[in-house]
């Protein structure tokens, strides 16, 4: 099955978030939003790595973590499938995961810019307060 994984995943190699984590998060979000449904198979590790031009071990790590979390299941001879119980993943469950993902991006960018924690937190607080006064 030669599937273009770019239809499934959008990877940003410069985001500061590991690629395996981006794949992991996108599968969870995809299930919560109904993009992936119970019984549907994900593209193979080979197809994802080829389409996204990433190491197969990176994709394998994402799929392995998803399987350990019960978000996908391995079906011998067929691949990784979304199980029926995964449909219980909801958007509210994802809000904390999404927030953590965004915070990690901010922290990684701040470190790359050699910014200190206090100045980043001050900027965050100022932006939070500005947006709440508008």
N, C-alpha and C. Protein backbone atom coordinates (compact mmCIF):
# COMPACT_ATOMS: atom_id res chain seq x y z
N UNK A 1 0.85 -1.17 0.00
CA UNK A 1 0.00 0.00 0.00
C UNK A 1 0.90 1.24 0.00
N UNK A 2 0.98 1.95 -1.09
CA UNK A 2 1.81 3.14 -1.20
C UNK A 2 0.93 4.37 -1.00
N UNK A 3 0.94 4.88 0.22
CA UNK A 3 0.09 6.02 0.58
C UNK A 3 0.97 7.24 0.77
N UNK A 4 0.51 8.39 0.30
CA UNK A 4 1.25 9.62 0.53
C UNK A 4 0.97 10.09 1.95
N UNK A 5 1.94 9.91 2.84
CA UNK A 5 1.76 10.24 4.25
C UNK A 5 1.61 11.74 4.47
N UNK A 6 1.98 12.54 3.49
CA UNK A 6 1.80 13.99 3.63
C UNK A 6 0.32 14.34 3.76
N UNK A 7 -0.55 13.45 3.28
CA UNK A 7 -1.99 13.66 3.44
C UNK A 7 -2.40 13.43 4.90
N UNK A 8 -1.61 12.67 5.63
CA UNK A 8 -1.91 12.34 7.02
C UNK A 8 -1.21 13.26 8.00
N UNK A 9 0.05 13.62 7.71
CA UNK A 9 0.87 14.33 8.69
C UNK A 9 1.51 15.58 8.08
N UNK A 10 1.59 16.61 8.88
CA UNK A 10 2.30 17.85 8.54
C UNK A 10 3.45 17.98 9.52
N UNK A 11 4.66 17.83 9.05
CA UNK A 11 5.84 17.85 9.91
C UNK A 11 6.60 19.15 9.73
N UNK A 12 7.01 19.73 10.86
CA UNK A 12 7.82 20.94 10.85
C UNK A 12 9.15 20.62 11.53
N UNK A 13 10.19 20.34 10.76
CA UNK A 13 11.47 19.94 11.35
C UNK A 13 12.16 21.05 12.14
N UNK A 14 11.75 22.28 11.99
CA UNK A 14 12.40 23.39 12.70
C UNK A 14 11.59 23.88 13.91
N UNK A 15 10.53 23.16 14.27
CA UNK A 15 9.66 23.63 15.35
C UNK A 15 10.28 23.46 16.73
N UNK A 16 11.29 22.61 16.85
CA UNK A 16 11.86 22.34 18.17
C UNK A 16 11.18 21.15 18.83
N UNK A 17 10.08 20.69 18.26
CA UNK A 17 9.38 19.50 18.77
C UNK A 17 9.86 18.31 17.96
N UNK A 18 10.31 17.25 18.65
CA UNK A 18 10.80 16.08 17.90
C UNK A 18 9.76 15.57 16.91
N UNK A 19 10.23 15.09 15.78
CA UNK A 19 9.33 14.64 14.71
C UNK A 19 8.45 13.49 15.19
N UNK A 20 9.02 12.56 15.97
CA UNK A 20 8.19 11.46 16.46
C UNK A 20 7.04 11.98 17.30
N UNK A 21 7.29 13.06 18.06
CA UNK A 21 6.25 13.64 18.91
C UNK A 21 5.19 14.34 18.06
N UNK A 22 5.63 14.97 16.97
CA UNK A 22 4.67 15.61 16.07
C UNK A 22 3.72 14.57 15.47
N UNK A 23 4.27 13.43 15.07
CA UNK A 23 3.44 12.36 14.51
C UNK A 23 2.48 11.84 15.58
N UNK A 24 3.01 11.58 16.76
CA UNK A 24 2.21 11.08 17.89
C UNK A 24 1.04 12.04 18.16
N UNK A 25 1.34 13.31 18.31
CA UNK A 25 0.30 14.30 18.62
C UNK A 25 -0.72 14.41 17.50
N UNK A 26 -0.27 14.35 16.26
CA UNK A 26 -1.19 14.48 15.14
C UNK A 26 -2.14 13.29 15.02
N UNK A 27 -1.68 12.11 15.39
CA UNK A 27 -2.59 10.96 15.39
C UNK A 27 -3.65 11.15 16.47
N UNK A 28 -3.24 11.56 17.68
CA UNK A 28 -4.21 11.77 18.75
C UNK A 28 -5.22 12.86 18.39
N UNK A 29 -4.73 13.95 17.85
CA UNK A 29 -5.62 15.04 17.45
C UNK A 29 -6.53 14.58 16.32
N UNK A 30 -5.96 13.83 15.38
CA UNK A 30 -6.75 13.33 14.25
C UNK A 30 -7.89 12.43 14.70
N UNK A 31 -7.65 11.61 15.71
CA UNK A 31 -8.71 10.75 16.24
C UNK A 31 -9.77 11.60 16.93
N UNK A 32 -9.31 12.55 17.75
CA UNK A 32 -10.26 13.41 18.49
C UNK A 32 -11.13 14.23 17.55
N UNK A 33 -10.57 14.62 16.41
CA UNK A 33 -11.32 15.46 15.47
C UNK A 33 -12.06 14.64 14.42
N UNK A 34 -11.94 13.32 14.47
CA UNK A 34 -12.64 12.47 13.52
C UNK A 34 -11.94 12.27 12.20
N UNK A 35 -10.69 12.73 12.09
CA UNK A 35 -9.92 12.52 10.86
C UNK A 35 -9.57 11.05 10.69
N UNK A 36 -9.30 10.38 11.80
CA UNK A 36 -9.04 8.95 11.82
C UNK A 36 -10.20 8.29 12.55
N UNK A 37 -10.72 7.20 12.00
CA UNK A 37 -11.86 6.53 12.61
C UNK A 37 -11.50 5.09 12.99
N UNK A 38 -12.28 4.53 13.88
CA UNK A 38 -12.06 3.15 14.33
C UNK A 38 -12.02 2.21 13.14
N UNK A 39 -11.04 1.34 13.17
CA UNK A 39 -10.88 0.36 12.09
C UNK A 39 -9.99 0.82 10.96
N UNK A 40 -9.70 2.10 10.91
CA UNK A 40 -8.85 2.64 9.84
C UNK A 40 -7.38 2.31 10.12
N UNK A 41 -6.65 1.98 9.07
CA UNK A 41 -5.23 1.70 9.19
C UNK A 41 -4.42 2.95 8.89
N UNK A 42 -3.36 3.15 9.66
CA UNK A 42 -2.43 4.24 9.39
C UNK A 42 -1.49 3.81 8.28
N UNK A 43 -0.89 4.78 7.59
CA UNK A 43 0.09 4.40 6.58
C UNK A 43 1.27 3.66 7.23
N UNK A 44 1.91 2.82 6.47
CA UNK A 44 3.03 2.03 7.02
C UNK A 44 4.19 2.94 7.41
N UNK A 45 5.04 2.41 8.25
CA UNK A 45 6.24 3.14 8.67
C UNK A 45 7.06 3.51 7.45
N UNK A 46 7.20 2.58 6.53
CA UNK A 46 7.98 2.82 5.31
C UNK A 46 7.37 3.96 4.49
N UNK A 47 6.04 3.94 4.32
CA UNK A 47 5.37 4.98 3.53
C UNK A 47 5.52 6.35 4.18
N UNK A 48 5.37 6.40 5.51
CA UNK A 48 5.49 7.68 6.22
C UNK A 48 6.91 8.21 6.12
N UNK A 49 7.88 7.35 6.38
CA UNK A 49 9.27 7.81 6.34
C UNK A 49 9.68 8.27 4.94
N UNK A 50 9.20 7.57 3.92
CA UNK A 50 9.52 7.93 2.54
C UNK A 50 8.85 9.26 2.15
N UNK A 51 7.57 9.38 2.43
CA UNK A 51 6.83 10.60 2.05
C UNK A 51 7.31 11.84 2.79
N UNK A 52 7.61 11.67 4.08
CA UNK A 52 8.03 12.82 4.88
C UNK A 52 9.54 13.02 4.90
N UNK A 53 10.25 12.07 4.28
CA UNK A 53 11.71 12.11 4.23
C UNK A 53 12.32 12.16 5.63
N UNK A 54 11.86 11.22 6.46
CA UNK A 54 12.40 11.10 7.82
C UNK A 54 12.86 9.66 8.02
N UNK A 55 13.67 9.46 9.03
CA UNK A 55 14.20 8.14 9.35
C UNK A 55 13.05 7.20 9.76
N UNK A 56 13.03 5.99 9.25
CA UNK A 56 11.99 5.04 9.64
C UNK A 56 11.93 4.79 11.15
N UNK A 57 13.07 4.89 11.83
CA UNK A 57 13.08 4.69 13.28
C UNK A 57 12.30 5.79 14.00
N UNK A 58 12.26 6.98 13.42
CA UNK A 58 11.49 8.09 13.99
C UNK A 58 10.01 7.77 13.95
N UNK A 59 9.55 7.28 12.82
CA UNK A 59 8.14 6.90 12.66
C UNK A 59 7.82 5.71 13.55
N UNK A 60 8.73 4.75 13.60
CA UNK A 60 8.55 3.57 14.43
C UNK A 60 8.40 3.95 15.89
N UNK A 61 9.18 4.91 16.34
CA UNK A 61 9.10 5.37 17.73
C UNK A 61 7.72 5.98 18.01
N UNK A 62 7.23 6.80 17.10
CA UNK A 62 5.91 7.42 17.27
C UNK A 62 4.83 6.34 17.33
N UNK A 63 4.87 5.40 16.40
CA UNK A 63 3.86 4.33 16.36
C UNK A 63 3.95 3.46 17.62
N UNK A 64 5.15 3.19 18.07
CA UNK A 64 5.34 2.37 19.27
C UNK A 64 4.74 3.05 20.49
N UNK A 65 4.98 4.35 20.63
CA UNK A 65 4.40 5.10 21.76
C UNK A 65 2.87 5.14 21.67
N UNK A 66 2.36 5.29 20.46
CA UNK A 66 0.91 5.29 20.27
C UNK A 66 0.32 3.93 20.65
N UNK A 67 1.03 2.87 20.29
CA UNK A 67 0.55 1.53 20.62
C UNK A 67 0.58 1.30 22.14
N UNK A 68 1.66 1.71 22.78
CA UNK A 68 1.78 1.56 24.24
C UNK A 68 0.70 2.34 24.97
N UNK A 69 0.27 3.47 24.38
CA UNK A 69 -0.77 4.30 24.98
C UNK A 69 -2.17 3.78 24.68
N UNK A 70 -2.26 2.75 23.84
CA UNK A 70 -3.57 2.19 23.50
C UNK A 70 -4.31 3.01 22.45
N UNK A 71 -3.60 3.91 21.80
CA UNK A 71 -4.23 4.79 20.80
C UNK A 71 -4.33 4.10 19.45
N UNK A 72 -3.36 3.22 19.16
CA UNK A 72 -3.43 2.39 17.95
C UNK A 72 -3.10 0.96 18.36
N UNK A 73 -3.41 0.03 17.48
CA UNK A 73 -3.12 -1.37 17.76
C UNK A 73 -2.48 -2.02 16.54
N UNK A 74 -1.60 -2.97 16.81
CA UNK A 74 -0.94 -3.70 15.73
C UNK A 74 -1.81 -4.87 15.32
N UNK A 75 -2.05 -5.00 14.02
CA UNK A 75 -2.78 -6.13 13.47
C UNK A 75 -1.79 -6.90 12.60
N UNK A 76 -1.47 -8.08 13.02
CA UNK A 76 -0.45 -8.89 12.35
C UNK A 76 -0.75 -9.01 10.85
N UNK A 77 0.26 -8.69 10.05
CA UNK A 77 0.16 -8.81 8.60
C UNK A 77 -0.57 -7.65 7.93
N UNK A 78 -1.11 -6.72 8.72
CA UNK A 78 -1.87 -5.62 8.12
C UNK A 78 -1.36 -4.24 8.50
N UNK A 79 -0.82 -4.09 9.71
CA UNK A 79 -0.28 -2.80 10.12
C UNK A 79 -0.93 -2.25 11.38
N UNK A 80 -0.86 -0.95 11.50
CA UNK A 80 -1.37 -0.27 12.69
C UNK A 80 -2.77 0.27 12.43
N UNK A 81 -3.69 -0.05 13.34
CA UNK A 81 -5.09 0.31 13.15
C UNK A 81 -5.59 1.12 14.34
N UNK A 82 -6.56 1.97 14.07
CA UNK A 82 -7.23 2.73 15.12
C UNK A 82 -8.26 1.80 15.76
N UNK A 83 -8.12 1.48 17.06
CA UNK A 83 -9.10 0.60 17.69
C UNK A 83 -10.38 1.36 18.05
N UNK A 84 -11.44 0.62 18.30
CA UNK A 84 -12.73 1.25 18.64
C UNK A 84 -12.62 2.11 19.89
N UNK A 85 -11.85 1.67 20.88
CA UNK A 85 -11.75 2.44 22.13
C UNK A 85 -11.06 3.79 21.94
N UNK A 86 -10.31 3.97 20.87
CA UNK A 86 -9.62 5.24 20.62
C UNK A 86 -10.60 6.36 20.32
N UNK A 87 -11.81 6.01 19.92
CA UNK A 87 -12.80 7.05 19.63
C UNK A 87 -13.22 7.81 20.89
N UNK A 88 -12.82 7.31 22.06
CA UNK A 88 -13.13 8.00 23.31
C UNK A 88 -12.21 9.20 23.55
N UNK A 89 -11.20 9.36 22.72
CA UNK A 89 -10.32 10.53 22.84
C UNK A 89 -11.12 11.74 22.38
N UNK A 90 -11.18 12.75 23.23
CA UNK A 90 -11.98 13.93 22.91
C UNK A 90 -11.10 15.17 22.84
N UNK A 91 -11.66 16.22 22.28
CA UNK A 91 -10.93 17.49 22.16
C UNK A 91 -10.51 18.03 23.52
N UNK A 92 -11.39 18.02 24.56
CA UNK A 92 -10.91 18.51 25.86
C UNK A 92 -9.69 17.76 26.36
N UNK A 93 -9.62 16.45 26.10
CA UNK A 93 -8.44 15.68 26.50
C UNK A 93 -7.19 16.21 25.79
N UNK A 94 -7.39 16.69 24.57
CA UNK A 94 -6.27 17.14 23.76
C UNK A 94 -5.80 18.54 24.11
N UNK A 95 -6.63 19.35 24.77
CA UNK A 95 -6.26 20.74 25.01
C UNK A 95 -4.98 20.85 25.83
N UNK A 96 -4.83 20.02 26.85
CA UNK A 96 -3.61 20.05 27.65
C UNK A 96 -2.41 19.60 26.83
N UNK A 97 -2.58 18.55 26.03
CA UNK A 97 -1.49 18.07 25.18
C UNK A 97 -1.06 19.14 24.19
N UNK A 98 -2.04 19.82 23.59
CA UNK A 98 -1.74 20.87 22.61
C UNK A 98 -1.02 22.04 23.28
N UNK A 99 -1.47 22.41 24.49
CA UNK A 99 -0.82 23.50 25.22
C UNK A 99 0.63 23.15 25.53
N UNK A 100 0.86 21.94 25.98
CA UNK A 100 2.23 21.51 26.28
C UNK A 100 3.09 21.55 25.02
N UNK A 101 2.53 21.12 23.91
CA UNK A 101 3.25 21.16 22.64
C UNK A 101 3.65 22.59 22.28
N UNK A 102 2.73 23.52 22.42
CA UNK A 102 3.03 24.92 22.11
C UNK A 102 4.06 25.51 23.07
N UNK A 103 3.93 25.18 24.34
CA UNK A 103 4.89 25.68 25.33
C UNK A 103 6.29 25.14 25.03
N UNK A 104 6.37 23.87 24.65
CA UNK A 104 7.68 23.30 24.29
C UNK A 104 8.30 24.05 23.12
N UNK A 105 7.48 24.41 22.15
CA UNK A 105 7.99 25.17 21.01
C UNK A 105 8.53 26.52 21.46
N UNK A 106 7.81 27.19 22.34
CA UNK A 106 8.26 28.50 22.85
C UNK A 106 9.56 28.34 23.64
N UNK A 107 9.62 27.34 24.51
CA UNK A 107 10.83 27.12 25.32
C UNK A 107 12.03 26.81 24.43
N UNK A 108 11.85 25.93 23.46
CA UNK A 108 12.95 25.58 22.56
C UNK A 108 13.42 26.79 21.75
N UNK A 109 12.47 27.59 21.27
CA UNK A 109 12.84 28.80 20.52
C UNK A 109 13.57 29.79 21.41
N UNK A 110 13.09 29.95 22.63
CA UNK A 110 13.74 30.88 23.57
C UNK A 110 15.16 30.44 23.88
N UNK A 111 15.36 29.15 24.05
CA UNK A 111 16.71 28.64 24.32
C UNK A 111 17.63 28.87 23.12
N UNK A 112 17.10 28.66 21.92
CA UNK A 112 17.90 28.89 20.71
C UNK A 112 18.30 30.36 20.59
N UNK A 113 17.45 31.24 21.11
CA UNK A 113 17.73 32.68 21.07
C UNK A 113 18.50 33.15 22.30
N UNK A 114 18.87 32.21 23.16
CA UNK A 114 19.61 32.48 24.40
C UNK A 114 18.87 33.44 25.33
N UNK A 115 17.55 33.32 25.37
CA UNK A 115 16.74 34.14 26.28
C UNK A 115 16.64 33.43 27.62
N UNK A 116 16.59 34.23 28.69
CA UNK A 116 16.48 33.61 30.01
C UNK A 116 15.01 33.37 30.38
N UNK A 117 14.82 32.46 31.29
CA UNK A 117 13.48 32.02 31.68
C UNK A 117 12.63 33.19 32.19
N UNK A 118 13.22 34.03 33.01
CA UNK A 118 12.46 35.14 33.60
C UNK A 118 11.93 36.10 32.54
N UNK A 119 12.73 36.43 31.55
CA UNK A 119 12.27 37.36 30.52
C UNK A 119 11.17 36.73 29.66
N UNK A 120 11.28 35.44 29.40
CA UNK A 120 10.24 34.75 28.63
C UNK A 120 8.93 34.71 29.40
N UNK A 121 9.01 34.39 30.69
CA UNK A 121 7.80 34.35 31.52
C UNK A 121 7.17 35.73 31.65
N UNK A 122 8.01 36.77 31.74
CA UNK A 122 7.50 38.15 31.82
C UNK A 122 6.76 38.50 30.53
N UNK A 123 7.35 38.16 29.38
CA UNK A 123 6.69 38.42 28.09
C UNK A 123 5.36 37.67 28.00
N UNK A 124 5.37 36.43 28.42
CA UNK A 124 4.15 35.62 28.38
C UNK A 124 3.06 36.26 29.24
N UNK A 125 3.44 36.67 30.44
CA UNK A 125 2.48 37.31 31.36
C UNK A 125 1.94 38.61 30.75
N UNK A 126 2.82 39.40 30.15
CA UNK A 126 2.39 40.66 29.54
C UNK A 126 1.41 40.42 28.39
N UNK A 127 1.72 39.45 27.55
CA UNK A 127 0.83 39.13 26.43
C UNK A 127 -0.51 38.62 26.93
N UNK A 128 -0.47 37.76 27.96
CA UNK A 128 -1.71 37.23 28.55
C UNK A 128 -2.59 38.39 29.04
N UNK A 129 -1.98 39.31 29.75
CA UNK A 129 -2.74 40.43 30.32
C UNK A 129 -3.25 41.38 29.22
N UNK A 130 -2.43 41.62 28.20
CA UNK A 130 -2.86 42.48 27.08
C UNK A 130 -4.09 41.89 26.39
N UNK A 131 -4.04 40.61 26.13
CA UNK A 131 -5.14 39.95 25.42
C UNK A 131 -6.41 39.90 26.24
N UNK A 132 -6.29 39.92 27.56
CA UNK A 132 -7.48 39.88 28.40
C UNK A 132 -8.09 41.25 28.63
N UNK A 133 -7.37 42.31 28.27
CA UNK A 133 -7.87 43.67 28.45
C UNK A 133 -8.46 44.24 27.18
N UNK A 134 -8.35 43.50 26.09
CA UNK A 134 -8.84 44.00 24.80
C UNK A 134 -10.33 43.83 24.68
